[in-house]
Amino acid sequence: MDRRLWILLLLPPIAWAIHLQVCYSLHAQVCASSTRITMWAVSLVLFVIVAFNTTRAYATWQSMPQPNAGGAAGGPEDEDPRPITREKFMAASAFFGSLFFALVILGQTIPTVMLRPCD
């Protein structure tokens, strides 16, 4: 479970960094060819990856049990709810982080759609 949570948490910022670097490196080629399809394809692929990660993170977050679920107020003293709470926090952070980075990738794609390649 921990490895999957770390992947869900770290994949969106890595995808955004790849998107940023690839789009910057393709700028000269796109300007010379006057076609933006390559940049749009990169943006679309990375946006889909992050959007899929968002749905997986949401499903993981919602499938985790509540800490001390089924117990009385506060639950039994001998059970430590911290691992469940930490995993639930990581899943929620992965969901909101994925959502944020999906919007960032979308926001970085808007200038490539609105402006001419050499602007």
C-alpha atoms as a PDB file:
ATOM      1  CA  MET A   1       0.000   0.000   0.000  1.00  0.00           C
ATOM      2  CA  ASP A   2       2.805   2.428   0.844  1.00  0.00           C
ATOM      3  CA  ARG A   3       4.471   2.121  -2.567  1.00  0.00           C
ATOM      4  CA  ARG A   4       1.201   2.760  -4.378  1.00  0.00           C
ATOM      5  CA  LEU A   5       0.491   5.808  -2.224  1.00  0.00           C
ATOM      6  CA  TRP A   6       3.951   7.225  -2.895  1.00  0.00           C
ATOM      7  CA  ILE A   7       3.464   6.713  -6.634  1.00  0.00           C
ATOM      8  CA  LEU A   8       0.045   8.388  -6.488  1.00  0.00           C
ATOM      9  CA  LEU A   9       1.564  11.270  -4.543  1.00  0.00           C
ATOM     10  CA  LEU A  10       4.701  11.852  -6.634  1.00  0.00           C
ATOM     11  CA  LEU A  11       3.522  11.087 -10.174  1.00  0.00           C
ATOM     12  CA  PRO A  12       1.669  14.404 -10.791  1.00  0.00           C
ATOM     13  CA  PRO A  13       4.563  16.783  -9.973  1.00  0.00           C
ATOM     14  CA  ILE A  14       6.923  14.590 -11.997  1.00  0.00           C
ATOM     15  CA  ALA A  15       4.481  14.638 -14.934  1.00  0.00           C
ATOM     16  CA  TRP A  16       4.223  18.422 -14.654  1.00  0.00           C
ATOM     17  CA  ALA A  17       8.024  18.802 -14.637  1.00  0.00           C
ATOM     18  CA  ILE A  18       8.281  16.568 -17.710  1.00  0.00           C
ATOM     19  CA  HIS A  19       5.544  18.599 -19.406  1.00  0.00           C
ATOM     20  CA  LEU A  20       7.321  21.846 -18.665  1.00  0.00           C
ATOM     21  CA  GLN A  21      10.714  20.641 -19.910  1.00  0.00           C
ATOM     22  CA  VAL A  22       9.409  18.928 -23.040  1.00  0.00           C
ATOM     23  CA  CYS A  23       7.308  21.924 -24.064  1.00  0.00           C
ATOM     24  CA  TYR A  24      10.235  24.292 -23.561  1.00  0.00           C
ATOM     25  CA  SER A  25      12.556  22.027 -25.537  1.00  0.00           C
ATOM     26  CA  LEU A  26      10.023  21.649 -28.377  1.00  0.00           C
ATOM     27  CA  HIS A  27       9.451  25.395 -28.720  1.00  0.00           C
ATOM     28  CA  ALA A  28      12.179  25.978 -31.341  1.00  0.00           C
ATOM     29  CA  GLN A  29      11.025  23.006 -33.414  1.00  0.00           C
ATOM     30  CA  VAL A  30       7.386  24.102 -33.213  1.00  0.00           C
ATOM     31  CA  CYS A  31       8.317  27.664 -34.183  1.00  0.00           C
ATOM     32  CA  ALA A  32      10.273  26.433 -37.223  1.00  0.00           C
ATOM     33  CA  SER A  33       7.541  24.084 -38.421  1.00  0.00           C
ATOM     34  CA  SER A  34       4.578  26.361 -37.501  1.00  0.00           C
ATOM     35  CA  THR A  35       2.591  23.392 -36.231  1.00  0.00           C
ATOM     36  CA  ARG A  36       1.664  22.923 -32.597  1.00  0.00           C
ATOM     37  CA  ILE A  37       0.389  19.371 -32.780  1.00  0.00           C
ATOM     38  CA  THR A  38       3.484  17.935 -31.080  1.00  0.00           C
ATOM     39  CA  MET A  39       3.061  20.182 -28.053  1.00  0.00           C
ATOM     40  CA  TRP A  40      -0.649  19.457 -27.912  1.00  0.00           C
ATOM     41  CA  ALA A  41       0.024  15.712 -28.047  1.00  0.00           C
ATOM     42  CA  VAL A  42       2.526  15.945 -25.177  1.00  0.00           C
ATOM     43  CA  SER A  43       0.061  18.018 -23.158  1.00  0.00           C
ATOM     44  CA  LEU A  44      -2.790  15.625 -23.861  1.00  0.00           C
ATOM     45  CA  VAL A  45      -0.811  12.501 -22.939  1.00  0.00           C
ATOM     46  CA  LEU A  46       0.474  13.966 -19.672  1.00  0.00           C
ATOM     47  CA  PHE A  47      -2.933  15.441 -18.800  1.00  0.00           C
ATOM     48  CA  VAL A  48      -4.565  12.037 -19.301  1.00  0.00           C
ATOM     49  CA  ILE A  49      -1.915  10.378 -17.117  1.00  0.00           C
ATOM     50  CA  VAL A  50      -2.488  12.899 -14.317  1.00  0.00           C
ATOM     51  CA  ALA A  51      -6.288  12.705 -14.715  1.00  0.00           C
ATOM     52  CA  PHE A  52      -6.126   8.906 -14.437  1.00  0.00           C
ATOM     53  CA  ASN A  53      -3.910   9.300 -11.376  1.00  0.00           C
ATOM     54  CA  THR A  54      -6.532  11.640  -9.915  1.00  0.00           C
ATOM     55  CA  THR A  55      -9.277   9.044 -10.269  1.00  0.00           C
ATOM     56  CA  ARG A  56      -7.073   6.325  -8.752  1.00  0.00           C
ATOM     57  CA  ALA A  57      -6.120   8.586  -5.842  1.00  0.00           C
ATOM     58  CA  TYR A  58      -9.778   9.447  -5.217  1.00  0.00           C
ATOM     59  CA  ALA A  59     -10.795   5.782  -5.288  1.00  0.00           C
ATOM     60  CA  THR A  60      -7.968   4.905  -2.896  1.00  0.00           C
ATOM     61  CA  TRP A  61      -8.877   7.753  -0.558  1.00  0.00           C
ATOM     62  CA  GLN A  62     -12.555   6.819  -0.442  1.00  0.00           C
ATOM     63  CA  SER A  63     -11.910   3.091   0.000  1.00  0.00           C
ATOM     64  CA  MET A  64      -9.906   3.533   3.204  1.00  0.00           C
ATOM     65  CA  PRO A  65     -11.757   2.960   6.461  1.00  0.00           C
ATOM     66  CA  GLN A  66     -12.296   5.748   8.921  1.00  0.00           C
ATOM     67  CA  PRO A  67      -9.899   5.690  11.873  1.00  0.00           C
ATOM     68  CA  ASN A  68     -11.538   3.840  14.774  1.00  0.00           C
ATOM     69  CA  ALA A  69     -14.520   2.955  12.628  1.00  0.00           C
ATOM     70  CA  GLY A  70     -17.016   0.901  14.565  1.00  0.00           C
ATOM     71  CA  GLY A  71     -15.532   1.698  17.964  1.00  0.00           C
ATOM     72  CA  ALA A  72     -16.879   3.840  20.742  1.00  0.00           C
ATOM     73  CA  ALA A  73     -15.843   7.456  21.166  1.00  0.00           C
ATOM     74  CA  GLY A  74     -12.129   7.366  20.426  1.00  0.00           C
ATOM     75  CA  GLY A  75     -11.967   3.592  19.979  1.00  0.00           C
ATOM     76  CA  PRO A  76     -10.044   1.096  22.068  1.00  0.00           C
ATOM     77  CA  GLU A  77      -6.925   2.277  23.826  1.00  0.00           C
ATOM     78  CA  ASP A  78      -4.715  -0.546  22.574  1.00  0.00           C
ATOM     79  CA  GLU A  79      -5.296   0.186  18.863  1.00  0.00           C
ATOM     80  CA  ASP A  80      -3.119   2.860  17.295  1.00  0.00           C
ATOM     81  CA  PRO A  81      -5.022   4.628  14.453  1.00  0.00           C
ATOM     82  CA  ARG A  82      -1.965   6.514  13.132  1.00  0.00           C
ATOM     83  CA  PRO A  83      -1.059   4.215  10.190  1.00  0.00           C
ATOM     84  CA  ILE A  84      -4.607   4.368   8.834  1.00  0.00           C
ATOM     85  CA  THR A  85      -4.703   8.123   9.366  1.00  0.00           C
ATOM     86  CA  ARG A  86      -1.339   8.589   7.638  1.00  0.00           C
ATOM     87  CA  GLU A  87      -2.406   6.495   4.660  1.00  0.00           C
ATOM     88  CA  LYS A  88      -5.714   8.332   4.413  1.00  0.00           C
ATOM     89  CA  PHE A  89      -3.872  11.680   4.544  1.00  0.00           C
ATOM     90  CA  MET A  90      -1.461  10.538   1.817  1.00  0.00           C
ATOM     91  CA  ALA A  91      -4.353   9.402  -0.376  1.00  0.00           C
ATOM     92  CA  ALA A  92      -6.196  12.701   0.126  1.00  0.00           C
ATOM     93  CA  SER A  93      -2.994  14.632  -0.605  1.00  0.00           C
ATOM     94  CA  ALA A  94      -2.459  12.551  -3.737  1.00  0.00           C
ATOM     95  CA  PHE A  95      -5.999  13.322  -4.910  1.00  0.00           C
ATOM     96  CA  PHE A  96      -5.808  17.063  -4.327  1.00  0.00           C
ATOM     97  CA  GLY A  97      -2.245  17.250  -5.648  1.00  0.00           C
ATOM     98  CA  SER A  98      -3.246  15.373  -8.794  1.00  0.00           C
ATOM     99  CA  LEU A  99      -6.179  17.683  -9.284  1.00  0.00           C
ATOM    100  CA  PHE A 100      -3.918  20.719  -8.853  1.00  0.00           C
ATOM    101  CA  PHE A 101      -1.266  19.490 -11.284  1.00  0.00           C
ATOM    102  CA  ALA A 102      -3.895  18.498 -13.851  1.00  0.00           C
ATOM    103  CA  LEU A 103      -5.105  22.109 -13.761  1.00  0.00           C
ATOM    104  CA  VAL A 104      -1.509  23.376 -14.005  1.00  0.00           C
ATOM    105  CA  ILE A 105      -0.861  21.255 -17.104  1.00  0.00           C
ATOM    106  CA  LEU A 106      -4.142  22.472 -18.576  1.00  0.00           C
ATOM    107  CA  GLY A 107      -3.182  26.063 -17.768  1.00  0.00           C
ATOM    108  CA  GLN A 108       0.200  25.656 -19.443  1.00  0.00           C
ATOM    109  CA  THR A 109      -1.508  24.293 -22.546  1.00  0.00           C
ATOM    110  CA  ILE A 110      -3.806  27.311 -22.973  1.00  0.00           C
ATOM    111  CA  PRO A 111      -1.057  29.611 -24.384  1.00  0.00           C
ATOM    112  CA  THR A 112      -0.097  26.986 -26.966  1.00  0.00           C
ATOM    113  CA  VAL A 113      -3.719  26.912 -28.109  1.00  0.00           C
ATOM    114  CA  MET A 114      -4.328  30.670 -28.056  1.00  0.00           C
ATOM    115  CA  LEU A 115      -1.028  32.051 -29.397  1.00  0.00           C
ATOM    116  CA  ARG A 116       0.882  31.483 -32.598  1.00  0.00           C
ATOM    117  CA  PRO A 117       3.945  29.219 -32.237  1.00  0.00           C
ATOM    118  CA  CYS A 118       6.565  31.995 -32.491  1.00  0.00           C
ATOM    119  CA  ASP A 119       4.873  34.483 -30.137  1.00  0.00           C
END
